[in-house]
Amino acid sequence: SSEPCDEVVVPQAAVQTSQAGAFVLTVDADNQVTAKPVELGERSGRDIVVKQGVAVGEMLIVEGVQKVRPGAKVSPTVITPVGSDS
């Protein structure tokens, strides 16, 4: 039986690692940064598959990740993924 695929592909630059494991920095509706633990899958060129931890459509920080910390307020600039239809 085939199950729906919940995997999300993100730029490798968005994934950080700590002693607790891999995580990404997300931005919520209030432009506040949150660290979310993720389970990683295979690498695909410059991208990496996230098996668990992020949902399609969530805003991730992919540039300047070294400059922000969880809880900080940011002014995000949305970039459209290559190959998207919008």
C-alpha atoms as a PDB file:
ATOM      1  CA  SER A   1       0.000   0.000   0.000  1.00  0.00           C
ATOM      2  CA  SER A   2       1.275   3.457  -0.811  1.00  0.00           C
ATOM      3  CA  GLU A   3       1.082   6.156   1.830  1.00  0.00           C
ATOM      4  CA  PRO A   4       0.909   9.893   1.166  1.00  0.00           C
ATOM      5  CA  CYS A   5       4.309  11.566   1.056  1.00  0.00           C
ATOM      6  CA  ASP A   6       4.790  14.155   3.799  1.00  0.00           C
ATOM      7  CA  GLU A   7       8.369  14.944   2.839  1.00  0.00           C
ATOM      8  CA  VAL A   8       9.435  18.520   2.154  1.00  0.00           C
ATOM      9  CA  VAL A   9      12.551  19.476   0.196  1.00  0.00           C
ATOM     10  CA  VAL A  10      14.444  22.477   1.579  1.00  0.00           C
ATOM     11  CA  PRO A  11      17.719  24.199   0.711  1.00  0.00           C
ATOM     12  CA  GLN A  12      20.594  22.616   2.598  1.00  0.00           C
ATOM     13  CA  ALA A  13      21.500  26.123   3.862  1.00  0.00           C
ATOM     14  CA  ALA A  14      18.265  26.162   5.897  1.00  0.00           C
ATOM     15  CA  VAL A  15      19.275  23.131   7.982  1.00  0.00           C
ATOM     16  CA  GLN A  16      21.348  23.680  11.119  1.00  0.00           C
ATOM     17  CA  THR A  17      22.727  21.106  13.532  1.00  0.00           C
ATOM     18  CA  SER A  18      23.278  21.183  17.268  1.00  0.00           C
ATOM     19  CA  GLN A  19      24.057  18.592  19.919  1.00  0.00           C
ATOM     20  CA  ALA A  20      20.318  17.847  19.985  1.00  0.00           C
ATOM     21  CA  GLY A  21      20.242  17.119  16.243  1.00  0.00           C
ATOM     22  CA  ALA A  22      19.143  18.839  13.054  1.00  0.00           C
ATOM     23  CA  PHE A  23      16.760  21.788  13.090  1.00  0.00           C
ATOM     24  CA  VAL A  24      15.447  24.593  10.895  1.00  0.00           C
ATOM     25  CA  LEU A  25      14.485  28.151  11.803  1.00  0.00           C
ATOM     26  CA  THR A  26      10.895  28.993  10.890  1.00  0.00           C
ATOM     27  CA  VAL A  27       9.084  32.331  10.858  1.00  0.00           C
ATOM     28  CA  ASP A  28       5.527  32.500  12.170  1.00  0.00           C
ATOM     29  CA  ALA A  29       2.701  34.920  11.323  1.00  0.00           C
ATOM     30  CA  ASP A  30       4.103  37.421  13.849  1.00  0.00           C
ATOM     31  CA  ASN A  31       7.547  37.287  12.155  1.00  0.00           C
ATOM     32  CA  GLN A  32       8.991  35.557  15.205  1.00  0.00           C
ATOM     33  CA  VAL A  33      11.743  32.977  14.758  1.00  0.00           C
ATOM     34  CA  THR A  34      11.254  29.444  16.086  1.00  0.00           C
ATOM     35  CA  ALA A  35      13.703  26.532  15.972  1.00  0.00           C
ATOM     36  CA  LYS A  36      12.001  23.303  14.904  1.00  0.00           C
ATOM     37  CA  PRO A  37      13.696  19.898  15.141  1.00  0.00           C
ATOM     38  CA  VAL A  38      13.608  17.955  11.880  1.00  0.00           C
ATOM     39  CA  GLU A  39      14.256  14.436  10.676  1.00  0.00           C
ATOM     40  CA  LEU A  40      16.392  14.523   7.558  1.00  0.00           C
ATOM     41  CA  GLY A  41      16.273  12.274   4.538  1.00  0.00           C
ATOM     42  CA  GLU A  42      18.378  12.141   1.406  1.00  0.00           C
ATOM     43  CA  ARG A  43      20.350  15.000  -0.084  1.00  0.00           C
ATOM     44  CA  SER A  44      19.373  16.082  -3.562  1.00  0.00           C
ATOM     45  CA  GLY A  45      21.966  18.424  -5.030  1.00  0.00           C
ATOM     46  CA  ARG A  46      21.852  21.622  -2.961  1.00  0.00           C
ATOM     47  CA  ASP A  47      18.621  20.539  -1.297  1.00  0.00           C
ATOM     48  CA  ILE A  48      17.788  18.050   1.416  1.00  0.00           C
ATOM     49  CA  VAL A  49      14.628  16.103   2.161  1.00  0.00           C
ATOM     50  CA  VAL A  50      12.980  16.782   5.526  1.00  0.00           C
ATOM     51  CA  LYS A  51      10.975  13.703   6.525  1.00  0.00           C
ATOM     52  CA  GLN A  52       9.408  15.250   9.623  1.00  0.00           C
ATOM     53  CA  GLY A  53       9.285  18.595  11.379  1.00  0.00           C
ATOM     54  CA  VAL A  54       8.185  21.060   8.703  1.00  0.00           C
ATOM     55  CA  ALA A  55       5.040  21.380   6.648  1.00  0.00           C
ATOM     56  CA  VAL A  56       4.653  22.541   3.075  1.00  0.00           C
ATOM     57  CA  GLY A  57       4.142  26.299   3.064  1.00  0.00           C
ATOM     58  CA  GLU A  58       6.002  27.062   6.294  1.00  0.00           C
ATOM     59  CA  MET A  59       8.436  29.961   6.062  1.00  0.00           C
ATOM     60  CA  LEU A  60      12.028  28.909   6.677  1.00  0.00           C
ATOM     61  CA  ILE A  61      15.087  31.080   7.099  1.00  0.00           C
ATOM     62  CA  VAL A  62      17.530  30.116   4.353  1.00  0.00           C
ATOM     63  CA  GLU A  63      19.865  33.121   4.342  1.00  0.00           C
ATOM     64  CA  GLY A  64      21.440  34.804   7.347  1.00  0.00           C
ATOM     65  CA  VAL A  65      20.702  31.880   9.670  1.00  0.00           C
ATOM     66  CA  GLN A  66      23.834  32.718  11.685  1.00  0.00           C
ATOM     67  CA  LYS A  67      22.431  36.174  12.495  1.00  0.00           C
ATOM     68  CA  VAL A  68      19.106  35.168  14.053  1.00  0.00           C
ATOM     69  CA  ARG A  69      18.082  33.333  17.191  1.00  0.00           C
ATOM     70  CA  PRO A  70      14.808  31.698  18.250  1.00  0.00           C
ATOM     71  CA  GLY A  71      12.463  34.303  19.713  1.00  0.00           C
ATOM     72  CA  ALA A  72      13.879  37.137  17.599  1.00  0.00           C
ATOM     73  CA  LYS A  73      11.613  39.262  15.410  1.00  0.00           C
ATOM     74  CA  VAL A  74      12.611  39.408  11.744  1.00  0.00           C
ATOM     75  CA  SER A  75      11.517  41.156   8.569  1.00  0.00           C
ATOM     76  CA  PRO A  76      11.387  38.254   6.121  1.00  0.00           C
ATOM     77  CA  THR A  77      11.735  38.558   2.372  1.00  0.00           C
ATOM     78  CA  VAL A  78       9.814  35.772   0.655  1.00  0.00           C
ATOM     79  CA  ILE A  79      11.606  34.082  -2.225  1.00  0.00           C
ATOM     80  CA  THR A  80       9.698  31.891  -4.642  1.00  0.00           C
ATOM     81  CA  PRO A  81      11.160  28.420  -5.098  1.00  0.00           C
ATOM     82  CA  VAL A  82      12.525  27.629  -8.549  1.00  0.00           C
ATOM     83  CA  GLY A  83      10.028  25.619 -10.530  1.00  0.00           C
ATOM     84  CA  SER A  84       6.976  26.798  -8.606  1.00  0.00           C
ATOM     85  CA  ASP A  85       3.916  27.731 -10.616  1.00  0.00           C
ATOM     86  CA  SER A  86       3.205  31.042  -8.884  1.00  0.00           C
END
